[in-house]
All heavy atoms as atom14 arrays in JSON, in Angstrom:
{
  "sequence": "VKLGLLNGTLVSVLSVLGLPLLLLGAVSPQFIQQISESQERAGTA",
  "atom14_mask": [
    [1, 1, 1, 1, 1, 1, 1, 0, 0, 0, 0, 0, 0, 0],
    [1, 1, 1, 1, 1, 1, 1, 1, 1, 0, 0, 0, 0, 0],
    [1, 1, 1, 1, 1, 1, 1, 1, 0, 0, 0, 0, 0, 0],
    [1, 1, 1, 1, 0, 0, 0, 0, 0, 0, 0, 0, 0, 0],
    [1, 1, 1, 1, 1, 1, 1, 1, 0, 0, 0, 0, 0, 0],
    [1, 1, 1, 1, 1, 1, 1, 1, 0, 0, 0, 0, 0, 0],
    [1, 1, 1, 1, 1, 1, 1, 1, 0, 0, 0, 0, 0, 0],
    [1, 1, 1, 1, 0, 0, 0, 0, 0, 0, 0, 0, 0, 0],
    [1, 1, 1, 1, 1, 1, 1, 0, 0, 0, 0, 0, 0, 0],
    [1, 1, 1, 1, 1, 1, 1, 1, 0, 0, 0, 0, 0, 0],
    [1, 1, 1, 1, 1, 1, 1, 0, 0, 0, 0, 0, 0, 0],
    [1, 1, 1, 1, 1, 1, 0, 0, 0, 0, 0, 0, 0, 0],
    [1, 1, 1, 1, 1, 1, 1, 0, 0, 0, 0, 0, 0, 0],
    [1, 1, 1, 1, 1, 1, 1, 1, 0, 0, 0, 0, 0, 0],
    [1, 1, 1, 1, 1, 1, 0, 0, 0, 0, 0, 0, 0, 0],
    [1, 1, 1, 1, 1, 1, 1, 0, 0, 0, 0, 0, 0, 0],
    [1, 1, 1, 1, 1, 1, 1, 1, 0, 0, 0, 0, 0, 0],
    [1, 1, 1, 1, 0, 0, 0, 0, 0, 0, 0, 0, 0, 0],
    [1, 1, 1, 1, 1, 1, 1, 1, 0, 0, 0, 0, 0, 0],
    [1, 1, 1, 1, 1, 1, 1, 0, 0, 0, 0, 0, 0, 0],
    [1, 1, 1, 1, 1, 1, 1, 1, 0, 0, 0, 0, 0, 0],
    [1, 1, 1, 1, 1, 1, 1, 1, 0, 0, 0, 0, 0, 0],
    [1, 1, 1, 1, 1, 1, 1, 1, 0, 0, 0, 0, 0, 0],
    [1, 1, 1, 1, 1, 1, 1, 1, 0, 0, 0, 0, 0, 0],
    [1, 1, 1, 1, 0, 0, 0, 0, 0, 0, 0, 0, 0, 0],
    [1, 1, 1, 1, 1, 0, 0, 0, 0, 0, 0, 0, 0, 0],
    [1, 1, 1, 1, 1, 1, 1, 0, 0, 0, 0, 0, 0, 0],
    [1, 1, 1, 1, 1, 1, 0, 0, 0, 0, 0, 0, 0, 0],
    [1, 1, 1, 1, 1, 1, 1, 0, 0, 0, 0, 0, 0, 0],
    [1, 1, 1, 1, 1, 1, 1, 1, 1, 0, 0, 0, 0, 0],
    [1, 1, 1, 1, 1, 1, 1, 1, 1, 1, 1, 0, 0, 0],
    [1, 1, 1, 1, 1, 1, 1, 1, 0, 0, 0, 0, 0, 0],
    [1, 1, 1, 1, 1, 1, 1, 1, 1, 0, 0, 0, 0, 0],
    [1, 1, 1, 1, 1, 1, 1, 1, 1, 0, 0, 0, 0, 0],
    [1, 1, 1, 1, 1, 1, 1, 1, 0, 0, 0, 0, 0, 0],
    [1, 1, 1, 1, 1, 1, 0, 0, 0, 0, 0, 0, 0, 0],
    [1, 1, 1, 1, 1, 1, 1, 1, 1, 0, 0, 0, 0, 0],
    [1, 1, 1, 1, 1, 1, 0, 0, 0, 0, 0, 0, 0, 0],
    [1, 1, 1, 1, 1, 1, 1, 1, 1, 0, 0, 0, 0, 0],
    [1, 1, 1, 1, 1, 1, 1, 1, 1, 0, 0, 0, 0, 0],
    [1, 1, 1, 1, 1, 1, 1, 1, 1, 1, 1, 0, 0, 0],
    [1, 1, 1, 1, 1, 0, 0, 0, 0, 0, 0, 0, 0, 0],
    [1, 1, 1, 1, 0, 0, 0, 0, 0, 0, 0, 0, 0, 0],
    [1, 1, 1, 1, 1, 1, 1, 0, 0, 0, 0, 0, 0, 0],
    [1, 1, 1, 1, 1, 0, 0, 0, 0, 0, 0, 0, 0, 0]
  ],
  "atom14_positions": [
    [[0.83, -1.2, 0.0], [0.0, 0.0, 0.0], [0.87, 1.26, 0.0], [0.43, 2.33, -0.43], [-0.96, -0.02, 1.22], [-0.21, 0.33, 2.51], [-2.14, 0.93, 1.0], [0.0, 0.0, 0.0], [0.0, 0.0, 0.0], [0.0, 0.0, 0.0], [0.0, 0.0, 0.0], [0.0, 0.0, 0.0], [0.0, 0.0, 0.0], [0.0, 0.0, 0.0]],
    [[2.11, 1.12, 0.42], [3.04, 2.27, 0.41], [3.45, 2.64, -1.0], [4.01, 3.72, -1.22], [4.28, 1.93, 1.24], [3.98, 1.59, 2.69], [5.22, 1.12, 3.42], [4.9, 0.66, 4.83], [6.11, 0.14, 5.54], [0.0, 0.0, 0.0], [0.0, 0.0, 0.0], [0.0, 0.0, 0.0], [0.0, 0.0, 0.0], [0.0, 0.0, 0.0]],
    [[3.21, 1.77, -1.97], [3.61, 2.02, -3.35], [2.59, 2.87, -4.11], [2.82, 3.2, -5.26], [3.8, 0.69, -4.09], [4.81, -0.29, -3.49], [4.81, -1.59, -4.27], [6.2, 0.31, -3.45], [0.0, 0.0, 0.0], [0.0, 0.0, 0.0], [0.0, 0.0, 0.0], [0.0, 0.0, 0.0], [0.0, 0.0, 0.0], [0.0, 0.0, 0.0]],
    [[1.48, 3.19, -3.47], [0.44, 3.94, -4.14], [-0.68, 3.03, -4.62], [-0.52, 1.81, -4.65], [0.0, 0.0, 0.0], [0.0, 0.0, 0.0], [0.0, 0.0, 0.0], [0.0, 0.0, 0.0], [0.0, 0.0, 0.0], [0.0, 0.0, 0.0], [0.0, 0.0, 0.0], [0.0, 0.0, 0.0], [0.0, 0.0, 0.0], [0.0, 0.0, 0.0]],
    [[-1.78, 3.63, -5.04], [-2.96, 2.85, -5.41], [-2.69, 1.94, -6.6], [-2.96, 0.73, -6.55], [-4.13, 3.78, -5.72], [-5.44, 3.09, -6.15], [-5.94, 2.17, -5.06], [-6.5, 4.12, -6.51], [0.0, 0.0, 0.0], [0.0, 0.0, 0.0], [0.0, 0.0, 0.0], [0.0, 0.0, 0.0], [0.0, 0.0, 0.0], [0.0, 0.0, 0.0]],
    [[-2.16, 2.49, -7.69], [-1.96, 1.7, -8.89], [-0.91, 0.62, -8.7], [-1.17, -0.58, -8.9], [-1.56, 2.61, -10.07], [-1.26, 1.9, -11.4], [-2.47, 1.1, -11.86], [-0.84, 2.91, -12.46], [0.0, 0.0, 0.0], [0.0, 0.0, 0.0], [0.0, 0.0, 0.0], [0.0, 0.0, 0.0], [0.0, 0.0, 0.0], [0.0, 0.0, 0.0]],
    [[0.29, 1.02, -8.31], [1.38, 0.05, -8.14], [1.1, -0.92, -7.0], [1.38, -2.11, -7.1], [2.71, 0.77, -7.89], [3.17, 1.57, -9.08], [2.87, 1.22, -10.22], [3.88, 2.66, -8.85], [0.0, 0.0, 0.0], [0.0, 0.0, 0.0], [0.0, 0.0, 0.0], [0.0, 0.0, 0.0], [0.0, 0.0, 0.0], [0.0, 0.0, 0.0]],
    [[0.54, -0.42, -5.91], [0.25, -1.27, -4.76], [-0.77, -2.34, -5.08], [-0.63, -3.5, -4.69], [0.0, 0.0, 0.0], [0.0, 0.0, 0.0], [0.0, 0.0, 0.0], [0.0, 0.0, 0.0], [0.0, 0.0, 0.0], [0.0, 0.0, 0.0], [0.0, 0.0, 0.0], [0.0, 0.0, 0.0], [0.0, 0.0, 0.0], [0.0, 0.0, 0.0]],
    [[-1.82, -1.95, -5.81], [-2.85, -2.91, -6.2], [-2.27, -4.0, -7.1], [-2.52, -5.19, -6.91], [-4.01, -2.21, -6.93], [-4.53, -1.18, -6.09], [-5.12, -3.19, -7.24], [0.0, 0.0, 0.0], [0.0, 0.0, 0.0], [0.0, 0.0, 0.0], [0.0, 0.0, 0.0], [0.0, 0.0, 0.0], [0.0, 0.0, 0.0], [0.0, 0.0, 0.0]],
    [[-1.49, -3.57, -8.1], [-0.9, -4.53, -9.02], [0.02, -5.51, -8.3], [-0.05, -6.73, -8.51], [-0.11, -3.79, -10.11], [-0.94, -3.08, -11.18], [-0.04, -2.2, -12.04], [-1.69, -4.08, -12.04], [0.0, 0.0, 0.0], [0.0, 0.0, 0.0], [0.0, 0.0, 0.0], [0.0, 0.0, 0.0], [0.0, 0.0, 0.0], [0.0, 0.0, 0.0]],
    [[0.87, -4.99, -7.42], [1.83, -5.85, -6.71], [1.13, -6.81, -5.77], [1.43, -8.01, -5.74], [2.85, -4.98, -5.93], [3.68, -5.85, -4.98], [3.77, -4.25, -6.89], [0.0, 0.0, 0.0], [0.0, 0.0, 0.0], [0.0, 0.0, 0.0], [0.0, 0.0, 0.0], [0.0, 0.0, 0.0], [0.0, 0.0, 0.0], [0.0, 0.0, 0.0]],
    [[0.16, -6.31, -5.0], [-0.51, -7.17, -4.02], [-1.36, -8.24, -4.69], [-1.34, -9.41, -4.3], [-1.36, -6.33, -3.07], [-2.34, -5.59, -3.78], [0.0, 0.0, 0.0], [0.0, 0.0, 0.0], [0.0, 0.0, 0.0], [0.0, 0.0, 0.0], [0.0, 0.0, 0.0], [0.0, 0.0, 0.0], [0.0, 0.0, 0.0], [0.0, 0.0, 0.0]],
    [[-2.11, -7.85, -5.73], [-2.97, -8.82, -6.41], [-2.13, -9.88, -7.12], [-2.42, -11.08, -7.05], [-3.91, -8.12, -7.42], [-4.65, -9.14, -8.27], [-4.9, -7.23, -6.68], [0.0, 0.0, 0.0], [0.0, 0.0, 0.0], [0.0, 0.0, 0.0], [0.0, 0.0, 0.0], [0.0, 0.0, 0.0], [0.0, 0.0, 0.0], [0.0, 0.0, 0.0]],
    [[-1.06, -9.44, -7.78], [-0.19, -10.39, -8.46], [0.49, -11.34, -7.48], [0.6, -12.54, -7.73], [0.88, -9.65, -9.27], [1.83, -10.51, -10.1], [1.06, -11.32, -11.13], [2.87, -9.64, -10.79], [0.0, 0.0, 0.0], [0.0, 0.0, 0.0], [0.0, 0.0, 0.0], [0.0, 0.0, 0.0], [0.0, 0.0, 0.0], [0.0, 0.0, 0.0]],
    [[0.9, -10.81, -6.32], [1.58, -11.63, -5.31], [0.65, -12.68, -4.71], [1.07, -13.8, -4.42], [2.14, -10.74, -4.2], [3.06, -9.81, -4.71], [0.0, 0.0, 0.0], [0.0, 0.0, 0.0], [0.0, 0.0, 0.0], [0.0, 0.0, 0.0], [0.0, 0.0, 0.0], [0.0, 0.0, 0.0], [0.0, 0.0, 0.0], [0.0, 0.0, 0.0]],
    [[-0.6, -12.31, -4.52], [-1.55, -13.21, -3.86], [-2.22, -14.16, -4.85], [-2.38, -15.36, -4.59], [-2.6, -12.4, -3.08], [-3.63, -13.32, -2.44], [-1.93, -11.54, -2.02], [0.0, 0.0, 0.0], [0.0, 0.0, 0.0], [0.0, 0.0, 0.0], [0.0, 0.0, 0.0], [0.0, 0.0, 0.0], [0.0, 0.0, 0.0], [0.0, 0.0, 0.0]],
    [[-2.61, -13.63, -6.0], [-3.35, -14.43, -6.98], [-2.46, -15.2, -7.95], [-2.82, -16.28, -8.42], [-4.26, -13.52, -7.82], [-5.65, -13.17, -7.32], [-6.34, -12.28, -8.34], [-6.49, -14.39, -7.06], [0.0, 0.0, 0.0], [0.0, 0.0, 0.0], [0.0, 0.0, 0.0], [0.0, 0.0, 0.0], [0.0, 0.0, 0.0], [0.0, 0.0, 0.0]],
    [[-1.31, -14.61, -8.27], [-0.51, -15.1, -9.39], [-0.17, -16.57, -9.37], [-0.51, -17.32, -10.29], [0.0, 0.0, 0.0], [0.0, 0.0, 0.0], [0.0, 0.0, 0.0], [0.0, 0.0, 0.0], [0.0, 0.0, 0.0], [0.0, 0.0, 0.0], [0.0, 0.0, 0.0], [0.0, 0.0, 0.0], [0.0, 0.0, 0.0], [0.0, 0.0, 0.0]],
    [[0.5, -17.03, -8.3], [0.99, -18.41, -8.27], [-0.13, -19.44, -8.24], [-0.11, -20.39, -9.04], [1.94, -18.6, -7.09], [2.56, -20.0, -6.95], [3.28, -20.41, -8.21], [3.49, -20.05, -5.73], [0.0, 0.0, 0.0], [0.0, 0.0, 0.0], [0.0, 0.0, 0.0], [0.0, 0.0, 0.0], [0.0, 0.0, 0.0], [0.0, 0.0, 0.0]],
    [[-1.12, -19.34, -7.33], [-2.16, -20.38, -7.32], [-2.94, -20.46, -8.63], [-3.26, -21.56, -9.09], [-3.07, -19.98, -6.15], [-2.76, -18.57, -5.85], [-1.33, -18.37, -6.23], [0.0, 0.0, 0.0], [0.0, 0.0, 0.0], [0.0, 0.0, 0.0], [0.0, 0.0, 0.0], [0.0, 0.0, 0.0], [0.0, 0.0, 0.0], [0.0, 0.0, 0.0]],
    [[-3.23, -19.32, -9.26], [-3.98, -19.37, -10.52], [-3.12, -19.86, -11.67], [-3.63, -20.51, -12.59], [-4.56, -17.98, -10.84], [-5.68, -17.5, -9.92], [-6.29, -16.21, -10.46], [-6.77, -18.56, -9.74], [0.0, 0.0, 0.0], [0.0, 0.0, 0.0], [0.0, 0.0, 0.0], [0.0, 0.0, 0.0], [0.0, 0.0, 0.0], [0.0, 0.0, 0.0]],
    [[-1.84, -19.57, -11.65], [-0.95, -20.12, -12.66], [-0.93, -21.65, -12.58], [-1.0, -22.35, -13.59], [0.46, -19.55, -12.5], [1.5, -19.99, -13.53], [2.46, -18.85, -13.84], [2.3, -21.21, -13.04], [0.0, 0.0, 0.0], [0.0, 0.0, 0.0], [0.0, 0.0, 0.0], [0.0, 0.0, 0.0], [0.0, 0.0, 0.0], [0.0, 0.0, 0.0]],
    [[-0.82, -22.17, -11.36], [-0.8, -23.62, -11.17], [-2.12, -24.25, -11.61], [-2.13, -25.29, -12.28], [-0.52, -23.95, -9.7], [0.86, -23.59, -9.16], [0.93, -23.81, -7.66], [1.95, -24.39, -9.87], [0.0, 0.0, 0.0], [0.0, 0.0, 0.0], [0.0, 0.0, 0.0], [0.0, 0.0, 0.0], [0.0, 0.0, 0.0], [0.0, 0.0, 0.0]],
    [[-3.22, -23.62, -11.25], [-4.53, -24.17, -11.62], [-4.77, -24.07, -13.12], [-5.4, -24.94, -13.72], [-5.63, -23.46, -10.84], [-5.63, -23.72, -9.32], [-6.6, -22.77, -8.62], [-5.98, -25.17, -9.01], [0.0, 0.0, 0.0], [0.0, 0.0, 0.0], [0.0, 0.0, 0.0], [0.0, 0.0, 0.0], [0.0, 0.0, 0.0], [0.0, 0.0, 0.0]],
    [[-4.28, -22.98, -13.73], [-4.42, -22.85, -15.17], [-3.65, -23.92, -15.94], [-4.05, -24.35, -17.03], [0.0, 0.0, 0.0], [0.0, 0.0, 0.0], [0.0, 0.0, 0.0], [0.0, 0.0, 0.0], [0.0, 0.0, 0.0], [0.0, 0.0, 0.0], [0.0, 0.0, 0.0], [0.0, 0.0, 0.0], [0.0, 0.0, 0.0], [0.0, 0.0, 0.0]],
    [[-2.54, -24.39, -15.35], [-1.72, -25.42, -16.02], [-2.35, -26.8, -15.97], [-1.89, -27.72, -16.65], [-0.33, -25.46, -15.36], [0.0, 0.0, 0.0], [0.0, 0.0, 0.0], [0.0, 0.0, 0.0], [0.0, 0.0, 0.0], [0.0, 0.0, 0.0], [0.0, 0.0, 0.0], [0.0, 0.0, 0.0], [0.0, 0.0, 0.0], [0.0, 0.0, 0.0]],
    [[-3.41, -26.96, -15.19], [-4.02, -28.27, -15.0], [-4.85, -28.7, -16.21], [-4.75, -29.85, -16.68], [-4.89, -28.26, -13.72], [-5.81, -29.48, -13.68], [-4.01, -28.2, -12.48], [0.0, 0.0, 0.0], [0.0, 0.0, 0.0], [0.0, 0.0, 0.0], [0.0, 0.0, 0.0], [0.0, 0.0, 0.0], [0.0, 0.0, 0.0], [0.0, 0.0, 0.0]],
    [[-5.67, -27.81, -16.74], [-6.61, -28.18, -17.8], [-5.94, -28.76, -19.05], [-6.39, -29.8, -19.55], [-7.48, -26.98, -18.18], [-8.3, -26.6, -17.09], [0.0, 0.0, 0.0], [0.0, 0.0, 0.0], [0.0, 0.0, 0.0], [0.0, 0.0, 0.0], [0.0, 0.0, 0.0], [0.0, 0.0, 0.0], [0.0, 0.0, 0.0], [0.0, 0.0, 0.0]],
    [[-4.88, -28.14, -19.62], [-4.26, -28.73, -20.81], [-3.74, -30.15, -20.57], [-3.83, -31.0, -21.46], [-3.1, -27.77, -21.11], [-3.49, -26.48, -20.49], [-4.25, -26.85, -19.26], [0.0, 0.0, 0.0], [0.0, 0.0, 0.0], [0.0, 0.0, 0.0], [0.0, 0.0, 0.0], [0.0, 0.0, 0.0], [0.0, 0.0, 0.0], [0.0, 0.0, 0.0]],
    [[-3.23, -30.39, -19.37], [-2.71, -31.72, -19.07], [-3.83, -32.74, -18.92], [-3.71, -33.89, -19.35], [-1.86, -31.66, -17.8], [-0.65, -30.74, -17.94], [0.18, -30.68, -16.69], [0.93, -31.59, -16.37], [0.04, -29.58, -15.96], [0.0, 0.0, 0.0], [0.0, 0.0, 0.0], [0.0, 0.0, 0.0], [0.0, 0.0, 0.0], [0.0, 0.0, 0.0]],
    [[-4.95, -32.32, -18.33], [-6.11, -33.21, -18.22], [-6.66, -33.55, -19.61], [-7.04, -34.7, -19.89], [-7.2, -32.57, -17.38], [-7.01, -32.73, -15.9], [-7.69, -31.93, -14.99], [-6.15, -33.7, -15.39], [-7.52, -32.08, -13.63], [-5.97, -33.86, -14.01], [-6.66, -33.05, -13.14], [0.0, 0.0, 0.0], [0.0, 0.0, 0.0], [0.0, 0.0, 0.0]],
    [[-6.71, -32.54, -20.47], [-7.22, -32.77, -21.83], [-6.33, -33.79, -22.56], [-6.84, -34.69, -23.25], [-7.28, -31.44, -22.6], [-8.37, -30.55, -22.0], [-7.55, -31.68, -24.08], [-8.35, -29.13, -22.53], [0.0, 0.0, 0.0], [0.0, 0.0, 0.0], [0.0, 0.0, 0.0], [0.0, 0.0, 0.0], [0.0, 0.0, 0.0], [0.0, 0.0, 0.0]],
    [[-5.01, -33.67, -22.38], [-4.1, -34.61, -23.01], [-4.31, -36.03, -22.48], [-4.35, -36.99, -23.26], [-2.65, -34.18, -22.75], [-1.59, -35.12, -23.3], [-1.63, -35.22, -24.82], [-2.04, -34.28, -25.49], [-1.23, -36.37, -25.35], [0.0, 0.0, 0.0], [0.0, 0.0, 0.0], [0.0, 0.0, 0.0], [0.0, 0.0, 0.0], [0.0, 0.0, 0.0]],
    [[-4.5, -36.16, -21.17], [-4.7, -37.48, -20.58], [-5.96, -38.14, -21.1], [-5.98, -39.35, -21.39], [-4.74, -37.37, -19.05], [-3.4, -36.99, -18.42], [-3.5, -36.9, -16.9], [-4.19, -37.68, -16.27], [-2.8, -35.95, -16.32], [0.0, 0.0, 0.0], [0.0, 0.0, 0.0], [0.0, 0.0, 0.0], [0.0, 0.0, 0.0], [0.0, 0.0, 0.0]],
    [[-7.03, -37.38, -21.21], [-8.29, -37.95, -21.7], [-8.18, -38.29, -23.19], [-8.7, -39.31, -23.65], [-9.45, -36.98, -21.44], [-9.68, -36.85, -19.93], [-10.73, -37.46, -22.1], [-10.74, -35.88, -19.53], [0.0, 0.0, 0.0], [0.0, 0.0, 0.0], [0.0, 0.0, 0.0], [0.0, 0.0, 0.0], [0.0, 0.0, 0.0], [0.0, 0.0, 0.0]],
    [[-7.48, -37.45, -23.95], [-7.3, -37.71, -25.38], [-6.53, -39.01, -25.61], [-6.79, -39.74, -26.58], [-6.55, -36.55, -26.04], [-7.29, -35.35, -25.95], [0.0, 0.0, 0.0], [0.0, 0.0, 0.0], [0.0, 0.0, 0.0], [0.0, 0.0, 0.0], [0.0, 0.0, 0.0], [0.0, 0.0, 0.0], [0.0, 0.0, 0.0], [0.0, 0.0, 0.0]],
    [[-5.6, -39.31, -24.71], [-4.82, -40.54, -24.83], [-5.66, -41.78, -24.59], [-5.26, -42.9, -24.94], [-3.65, -40.51, -23.84], [-2.58, -39.49, -24.22], [-1.51, -39.35, -23.15], [-1.69, -39.95, -22.06], [-0.52, -38.63, -23.38], [0.0, 0.0, 0.0], [0.0, 0.0, 0.0], [0.0, 0.0, 0.0], [0.0, 0.0, 0.0], [0.0, 0.0, 0.0]],
    [[-6.84, -41.6, -23.99], [-7.73, -42.74, -23.75], [-8.73, -42.92, -24.9], [-9.81, -43.47, -24.7], [-8.47, -42.57, -22.43], [-9.37, -41.47, -22.51], [0.0, 0.0, 0.0], [0.0, 0.0, 0.0], [0.0, 0.0, 0.0], [0.0, 0.0, 0.0], [0.0, 0.0, 0.0], [0.0, 0.0, 0.0], [0.0, 0.0, 0.0], [0.0, 0.0, 0.0]],
    [[-8.37, -42.4, -26.06], [-9.14, -42.54, -27.31], [-10.35, -41.62, -27.38], [-11.15, -41.73, -28.3], [-9.59, -44.01, -27.5], [-8.49, -45.03, -27.41], [-7.36, -44.75, -28.39], [-7.62, -44.43, -29.54], [-6.11, -44.86, -27.94], [0.0, 0.0, 0.0], [0.0, 0.0, 0.0], [0.0, 0.0, 0.0], [0.0, 0.0, 0.0], [0.0, 0.0, 0.0]],
    [[-10.52, -40.72, -26.44], [-11.62, -39.75, -26.54], [-11.15, -38.59, -27.4], [-10.02, -38.13, -27.29], [-12.03, -39.26, -25.15], [-13.3, -38.42, -25.18], [-13.83, -38.14, -23.77], [-13.69, -39.02, -22.91], [-14.39, -37.06, -23.57], [0.0, 0.0, 0.0], [0.0, 0.0, 0.0], [0.0, 0.0, 0.0], [0.0, 0.0, 0.0], [0.0, 0.0, 0.0]],
    [[-11.98, -38.08, -28.27], [-11.59, -37.02, -29.17], [-11.18, -35.76, -28.42], [-11.76, -35.42, -27.39], [-12.74, -36.7, -30.11], [-13.04, -37.82, -31.11], [-14.15, -37.42, -32.05], [-14.42, -38.47, -33.03], [-15.36, -38.38, -33.97], [-16.11, -37.29, -34.05], [-15.54, -39.38, -34.82], [0.0, 0.0, 0.0], [0.0, 0.0, 0.0], [0.0, 0.0, 0.0]],
    [[-10.17, -35.08, -28.97], [-9.62, -33.9, -28.29], [-10.68, -32.82, -28.09], [-10.75, -32.18, -27.04], [-8.44, -33.35, -29.08], [0.0, 0.0, 0.0], [0.0, 0.0, 0.0], [0.0, 0.0, 0.0], [0.0, 0.0, 0.0], [0.0, 0.0, 0.0], [0.0, 0.0, 0.0], [0.0, 0.0, 0.0], [0.0, 0.0, 0.0], [0.0, 0.0, 0.0]],
    [[-11.52, -32.6, -29.11], [-12.56, -31.59, -28.98], [-13.56, -31.93, -27.89], [-13.95, -31.07, -27.1], [0.0, 0.0, 0.0], [0.0, 0.0, 0.0], [0.0, 0.0, 0.0], [0.0, 0.0, 0.0], [0.0, 0.0, 0.0], [0.0, 0.0, 0.0], [0.0, 0.0, 0.0], [0.0, 0.0, 0.0], [0.0, 0.0, 0.0], [0.0, 0.0, 0.0]],
    [[-13.95, -33.18, -27.84], [-14.89, -33.64, -26.79], [-14.24, -33.52, -25.41], [-14.87, -33.05, -24.46], [-15.3, -35.09, -27.04], [-15.9, -35.2, -28.33], [-16.28, -35.56, -25.98], [0.0, 0.0, 0.0], [0.0, 0.0, 0.0], [0.0, 0.0, 0.0], [0.0, 0.0, 0.0], [0.0, 0.0, 0.0], [0.0, 0.0, 0.0], [0.0, 0.0, 0.0]],
    [[-12.98, -33.94, -25.32], [-12.26, -33.89, -24.05], [-12.13, -32.47, -23.53], [-12.41, -32.18, -22.35], [-10.88, -34.53, -24.2], [0.0, 0.0, 0.0], [0.0, 0.0, 0.0], [0.0, 0.0, 0.0], [0.0, 0.0, 0.0], [0.0, 0.0, 0.0], [0.0, 0.0, 0.0], [0.0, 0.0, 0.0], [0.0, 0.0, 0.0], [0.0, 0.0, 0.0]]
  ]
}
């Protein structure tokens, strides 16, 4: 908050949200690949 409204908001939100959402975002492509390998069509998966 000492960095000001704009910079402070960006830094705090990125610090708190960034890592967990990055990890969760990386899950879906890998799940799609796993299901596709079981003969289910990629679009359906």
